[in-house]
Amino acid sequence: MIRHIVYFSVRSTADRERVLEGLRLLEANPHALHLEVGENLKLDSLGNDVDFVVYGEFADAAALDAFKAHSSYEASIAAVRPIRELRMAADIVARGNSHHHD
């Protein structure tokens, strides 16, 4: 399984709601096993540059590719890109919940 995590910041606080609405278009995308769009609580003492997070779980790289090819992804980019500032993305292989004890 792949975890897809994307961080966004907004140029202007006036655009926050529009960015959130644009990111929520991804919730209609059928290719994620799990997808969350959330607002950063800004509880971290070292840095709170991120305004929103998109967190998705995908069966495999093909599912992530299908997610990005879906019309909701294009619609979300069209809505968000002009008014966002930072966008940082990372994809990691989920290691599950197994805890190793030596």
N, C-alpha and C. Protein backbone atom coordinates (compact mmCIF):
# COMPACT_ATOMS: atom_id res chain seq x y z
N MET A 1 0.84 -1.19 0.00
CA MET A 1 0.00 0.00 0.00
C MET A 1 0.88 1.25 0.00
N ILE A 2 0.40 2.27 -0.68
CA ILE A 2 1.12 3.54 -0.76
C ILE A 2 0.34 4.61 0.00
N ARG A 3 1.07 5.35 0.81
CA ARG A 3 0.49 6.53 1.47
C ARG A 3 0.95 7.76 0.67
N HIS A 4 -0.01 8.58 0.28
CA HIS A 4 0.24 9.78 -0.52
C HIS A 4 -0.14 10.97 0.35
N ILE A 5 0.86 11.81 0.67
CA ILE A 5 0.65 12.92 1.59
C ILE A 5 1.06 14.21 0.90
N VAL A 6 0.15 15.17 0.85
CA VAL A 6 0.45 16.44 0.19
C VAL A 6 0.12 17.58 1.14
N TYR A 7 1.07 18.50 1.25
CA TYR A 7 0.91 19.67 2.12
C TYR A 7 0.69 20.91 1.25
N PHE A 8 -0.20 21.76 1.70
CA PHE A 8 -0.50 22.99 0.98
C PHE A 8 -0.46 24.18 1.93
N SER A 9 0.01 25.31 1.41
CA SER A 9 -0.20 26.56 2.12
C SER A 9 -0.90 27.52 1.17
N VAL A 10 -1.56 28.50 1.75
CA VAL A 10 -2.38 29.45 1.01
C VAL A 10 -1.72 30.82 1.06
N ARG A 11 -1.67 31.48 -0.09
CA ARG A 11 -1.06 32.82 -0.15
C ARG A 11 -1.80 33.82 0.72
N SER A 12 -3.11 33.81 0.59
CA SER A 12 -3.93 34.80 1.28
C SER A 12 -4.98 34.08 2.14
N THR A 13 -5.14 34.52 3.38
CA THR A 13 -6.14 33.91 4.26
C THR A 13 -7.54 34.03 3.65
N ALA A 14 -7.73 35.03 2.79
CA ALA A 14 -9.03 35.19 2.14
C ALA A 14 -9.36 34.01 1.23
N ASP A 15 -8.32 33.28 0.80
CA ASP A 15 -8.53 32.16 -0.13
C ASP A 15 -8.63 30.81 0.56
N ARG A 16 -8.53 30.78 1.88
CA ARG A 16 -8.49 29.50 2.59
C ARG A 16 -9.70 28.62 2.28
N GLU A 17 -10.88 29.20 2.32
CA GLU A 17 -12.10 28.41 2.10
C GLU A 17 -12.15 27.87 0.67
N ARG A 18 -11.72 28.68 -0.28
CA ARG A 18 -11.70 28.23 -1.68
C ARG A 18 -10.71 27.09 -1.89
N VAL A 19 -9.56 27.17 -1.23
CA VAL A 19 -8.57 26.09 -1.35
C VAL A 19 -9.13 24.82 -0.72
N LEU A 20 -9.73 24.94 0.45
CA LEU A 20 -10.30 23.77 1.12
C LEU A 20 -11.38 23.13 0.25
N GLU A 21 -12.25 23.94 -0.32
CA GLU A 21 -13.29 23.41 -1.21
C GLU A 21 -12.69 22.72 -2.42
N GLY A 22 -11.63 23.31 -2.97
CA GLY A 22 -10.97 22.71 -4.12
C GLY A 22 -10.33 21.38 -3.79
N LEU A 23 -9.71 21.29 -2.62
CA LEU A 23 -9.09 20.03 -2.20
C LEU A 23 -10.16 18.97 -1.92
N ARG A 24 -11.29 19.39 -1.42
CA ARG A 24 -12.35 18.43 -1.10
C ARG A 24 -12.98 17.81 -2.34
N LEU A 25 -12.72 18.38 -3.50
CA LEU A 25 -13.18 17.75 -4.75
C LEU A 25 -12.56 16.36 -4.89
N LEU A 26 -11.40 16.16 -4.27
CA LEU A 26 -10.72 14.86 -4.36
C LEU A 26 -11.49 13.76 -3.63
N GLU A 27 -12.38 14.14 -2.73
CA GLU A 27 -13.14 13.14 -1.97
C GLU A 27 -14.09 12.35 -2.87
N ALA A 28 -14.36 12.87 -4.06
CA ALA A 28 -15.23 12.16 -5.00
C ALA A 28 -14.44 11.15 -5.84
N ASN A 29 -13.14 11.13 -5.67
CA ASN A 29 -12.28 10.26 -6.48
C ASN A 29 -12.37 8.83 -5.99
N PRO A 30 -12.72 7.88 -6.87
CA PRO A 30 -12.98 6.51 -6.42
C PRO A 30 -11.73 5.64 -6.24
N HIS A 31 -10.56 6.16 -6.58
CA HIS A 31 -9.38 5.29 -6.64
C HIS A 31 -8.59 5.18 -5.34
N ALA A 32 -8.93 5.98 -4.35
CA ALA A 32 -8.24 5.89 -3.06
C ALA A 32 -8.96 4.89 -2.16
N LEU A 33 -8.18 4.12 -1.41
CA LEU A 33 -8.77 3.26 -0.39
C LEU A 33 -9.29 4.13 0.75
N HIS A 34 -8.57 5.21 1.01
CA HIS A 34 -8.91 6.14 2.09
C HIS A 34 -8.38 7.50 1.68
N LEU A 35 -9.15 8.55 1.89
CA LEU A 35 -8.69 9.90 1.56
C LEU A 35 -9.22 10.88 2.59
N GLU A 36 -8.33 11.70 3.11
CA GLU A 36 -8.72 12.73 4.07
C GLU A 36 -8.17 14.07 3.60
N VAL A 37 -8.97 15.11 3.75
CA VAL A 37 -8.53 16.48 3.55
C VAL A 37 -8.71 17.17 4.89
N GLY A 38 -7.63 17.71 5.43
CA GLY A 38 -7.72 18.32 6.75
C GLY A 38 -7.01 19.64 6.84
N GLU A 39 -7.43 20.42 7.81
CA GLU A 39 -6.81 21.71 8.08
C GLU A 39 -5.77 21.50 9.18
N ASN A 40 -4.58 22.07 8.97
CA ASN A 40 -3.52 21.95 9.96
C ASN A 40 -3.93 22.66 11.25
N LEU A 41 -3.83 21.96 12.36
CA LEU A 41 -4.19 22.55 13.65
C LEU A 41 -3.14 23.55 14.14
N LYS A 42 -1.95 23.50 13.54
CA LYS A 42 -0.86 24.43 13.87
C LYS A 42 -0.49 24.36 15.35
N LEU A 43 -0.28 23.15 15.82
CA LEU A 43 0.12 22.92 17.20
C LEU A 43 1.62 22.78 17.35
N ASP A 44 2.35 22.74 16.25
CA ASP A 44 3.79 22.50 16.30
C ASP A 44 4.54 23.77 16.67
N SER A 45 5.50 23.64 17.57
CA SER A 45 6.21 24.82 18.06
C SER A 45 7.30 25.30 17.10
N LEU A 46 7.71 24.45 16.15
CA LEU A 46 8.85 24.80 15.30
C LEU A 46 8.45 25.37 13.95
N GLY A 47 7.26 25.07 13.48
CA GLY A 47 6.87 25.59 12.17
C GLY A 47 5.46 25.22 11.83
N ASN A 48 4.73 26.19 11.33
CA ASN A 48 3.33 25.96 10.96
C ASN A 48 3.03 26.55 9.59
N ASP A 49 3.94 26.26 8.64
CA ASP A 49 3.79 26.81 7.30
C ASP A 49 2.65 26.16 6.52
N VAL A 50 2.28 24.96 6.92
CA VAL A 50 1.27 24.20 6.20
C VAL A 50 -0.13 24.60 6.66
N ASP A 51 -1.02 24.85 5.71
CA ASP A 51 -2.41 25.17 6.03
C ASP A 51 -3.32 23.95 5.91
N PHE A 52 -3.10 23.13 4.87
CA PHE A 52 -3.97 21.97 4.63
C PHE A 52 -3.14 20.75 4.26
N VAL A 53 -3.70 19.59 4.57
CA VAL A 53 -3.05 18.33 4.24
C VAL A 53 -4.05 17.45 3.51
N VAL A 54 -3.59 16.80 2.44
CA VAL A 54 -4.35 15.75 1.78
C VAL A 54 -3.60 14.45 2.07
N TYR A 55 -4.31 13.49 2.64
CA TYR A 55 -3.71 12.21 2.99
C TYR A 55 -4.51 11.10 2.30
N GLY A 56 -3.84 10.32 1.50
CA GLY A 56 -4.53 9.25 0.79
C GLY A 56 -3.81 7.93 0.93
N GLU A 57 -4.56 6.85 0.90
CA GLU A 57 -3.99 5.50 0.91
C GLU A 57 -4.45 4.80 -0.37
N PHE A 58 -3.49 4.16 -1.04
CA PHE A 58 -3.73 3.54 -2.34
C PHE A 58 -3.19 2.12 -2.35
N ALA A 59 -3.91 1.25 -3.04
CA ALA A 59 -3.52 -0.16 -3.09
C ALA A 59 -2.12 -0.32 -3.68
N ASP A 60 -1.82 0.47 -4.72
CA ASP A 60 -0.53 0.36 -5.39
C ASP A 60 -0.31 1.59 -6.26
N ALA A 61 0.83 1.62 -6.94
CA ALA A 61 1.16 2.77 -7.78
C ALA A 61 0.15 2.95 -8.91
N ALA A 62 -0.39 1.84 -9.42
CA ALA A 62 -1.39 1.94 -10.50
C ALA A 62 -2.65 2.65 -10.01
N ALA A 63 -3.05 2.38 -8.77
CA ALA A 63 -4.22 3.05 -8.20
C ALA A 63 -3.95 4.54 -8.01
N LEU A 64 -2.73 4.90 -7.60
CA LEU A 64 -2.37 6.31 -7.45
C LEU A 64 -2.37 7.00 -8.81
N ASP A 65 -1.86 6.31 -9.84
CA ASP A 65 -1.90 6.86 -11.19
C ASP A 65 -3.34 7.07 -11.67
N ALA A 66 -4.21 6.12 -11.36
CA ALA A 66 -5.62 6.24 -11.74
C ALA A 66 -6.27 7.42 -11.02
N PHE A 67 -5.91 7.61 -9.76
CA PHE A 67 -6.39 8.75 -8.96
C PHE A 67 -6.02 10.06 -9.66
N LYS A 68 -4.77 10.15 -10.12
CA LYS A 68 -4.29 11.38 -10.75
C LYS A 68 -4.87 11.58 -12.15
N ALA A 69 -5.36 10.50 -12.77
CA ALA A 69 -5.95 10.61 -14.10
C ALA A 69 -7.44 10.91 -14.05
N HIS A 70 -8.02 10.84 -12.86
CA HIS A 70 -9.47 11.03 -12.70
C HIS A 70 -9.84 12.51 -12.83
N SER A 71 -11.04 12.77 -13.32
CA SER A 71 -11.47 14.15 -13.56
C SER A 71 -11.51 14.99 -12.28
N SER A 72 -11.75 14.37 -11.12
CA SER A 72 -11.80 15.14 -9.87
C SER A 72 -10.42 15.70 -9.52
N TYR A 73 -9.37 14.98 -9.92
CA TYR A 73 -8.00 15.45 -9.66
C TYR A 73 -7.71 16.69 -10.49
N GLU A 74 -8.08 16.64 -11.77
CA GLU A 74 -7.90 17.80 -12.65
C GLU A 74 -8.70 19.00 -12.14
N ALA A 75 -9.92 18.74 -11.70
CA ALA A 75 -10.78 19.83 -11.20
C ALA A 75 -10.18 20.45 -9.95
N SER A 76 -9.62 19.61 -9.09
CA SER A 76 -9.01 20.11 -7.86
C SER A 76 -7.79 20.97 -8.16
N ILE A 77 -6.94 20.50 -9.07
CA ILE A 77 -5.76 21.29 -9.45
C ILE A 77 -6.18 22.64 -10.04
N ALA A 78 -7.19 22.61 -10.91
CA ALA A 78 -7.65 23.85 -11.55
C ALA A 78 -8.14 24.85 -10.52
N ALA A 79 -8.77 24.36 -9.45
CA ALA A 79 -9.32 25.24 -8.42
C ALA A 79 -8.24 25.75 -7.47
N VAL A 80 -7.28 24.89 -7.15
CA VAL A 80 -6.34 25.19 -6.07
C VAL A 80 -5.05 25.85 -6.55
N ARG A 81 -4.51 25.39 -7.65
CA ARG A 81 -3.18 25.85 -8.07
C ARG A 81 -3.05 27.38 -8.15
N PRO A 82 -4.04 28.10 -8.70
CA PRO A 82 -3.86 29.56 -8.84
C PRO A 82 -3.79 30.30 -7.50
N ILE A 83 -4.30 29.71 -6.43
CA ILE A 83 -4.39 30.45 -5.16
C ILE A 83 -3.59 29.82 -4.03
N ARG A 84 -2.91 28.73 -4.32
CA ARG A 84 -2.07 28.15 -3.28
C ARG A 84 -0.65 28.68 -3.40
N GLU A 85 0.14 28.47 -2.35
CA GLU A 85 1.54 28.86 -2.38
C GLU A 85 2.37 27.59 -2.39
N LEU A 86 2.66 27.07 -1.23
CA LEU A 86 3.44 25.84 -1.10
C LEU A 86 2.63 24.62 -1.50
N ARG A 87 3.28 23.69 -2.19
CA ARG A 87 2.73 22.35 -2.37
C ARG A 87 3.89 21.38 -2.27
N MET A 88 3.86 20.53 -1.27
CA MET A 88 4.88 19.51 -1.09
C MET A 88 4.20 18.16 -1.02
N ALA A 89 4.71 17.21 -1.78
CA ALA A 89 4.09 15.89 -1.81
C ALA A 89 5.12 14.82 -1.50
N ALA A 90 4.66 13.74 -0.88
CA ALA A 90 5.50 12.59 -0.61
C ALA A 90 4.66 11.33 -0.74
N ASP A 91 5.29 10.29 -1.26
CA ASP A 91 4.64 8.98 -1.37
C ASP A 91 5.54 7.97 -0.66
N ILE A 92 4.97 7.24 0.27
CA ILE A 92 5.74 6.24 0.99
C ILE A 92 5.01 4.91 0.97
N VAL A 93 5.79 3.83 1.08
CA VAL A 93 5.20 2.51 1.19
C VAL A 93 4.79 2.31 2.63
N ALA A 94 3.53 1.97 2.84
CA ALA A 94 3.03 1.75 4.19
C ALA A 94 3.64 0.46 4.74
N ARG A 95 4.12 0.53 5.96
CA ARG A 95 4.72 -0.64 6.58
C ARG A 95 3.73 -1.36 7.48
N GLY A 96 2.53 -0.85 7.55
CA GLY A 96 1.49 -1.51 8.36
C GLY A 96 1.65 -1.17 9.83
N ASN A 97 0.98 -1.95 10.66
CA ASN A 97 0.97 -1.69 12.09
C ASN A 97 1.81 -2.67 12.88
N SER A 98 2.68 -3.41 12.17
CA SER A 98 3.48 -4.42 12.87
C SER A 98 4.59 -3.76 13.66
N HIS A 99 4.76 -4.16 14.89
CA HIS A 99 5.81 -3.64 15.74
C HIS A 99 6.84 -4.73 15.95
N HIS A 100 8.11 -4.38 15.67
CA HIS A 100 9.18 -5.36 15.78
C HIS A 100 9.88 -5.20 17.12
N HIS A 101 10.05 -6.29 17.81
CA HIS A 101 10.76 -6.27 19.09
C HIS A 101 11.98 -7.16 18.96
N ASP A 102 13.15 -6.60 19.27
CA ASP A 102 14.38 -7.40 19.17
C ASP A 102 14.69 -8.06 20.51
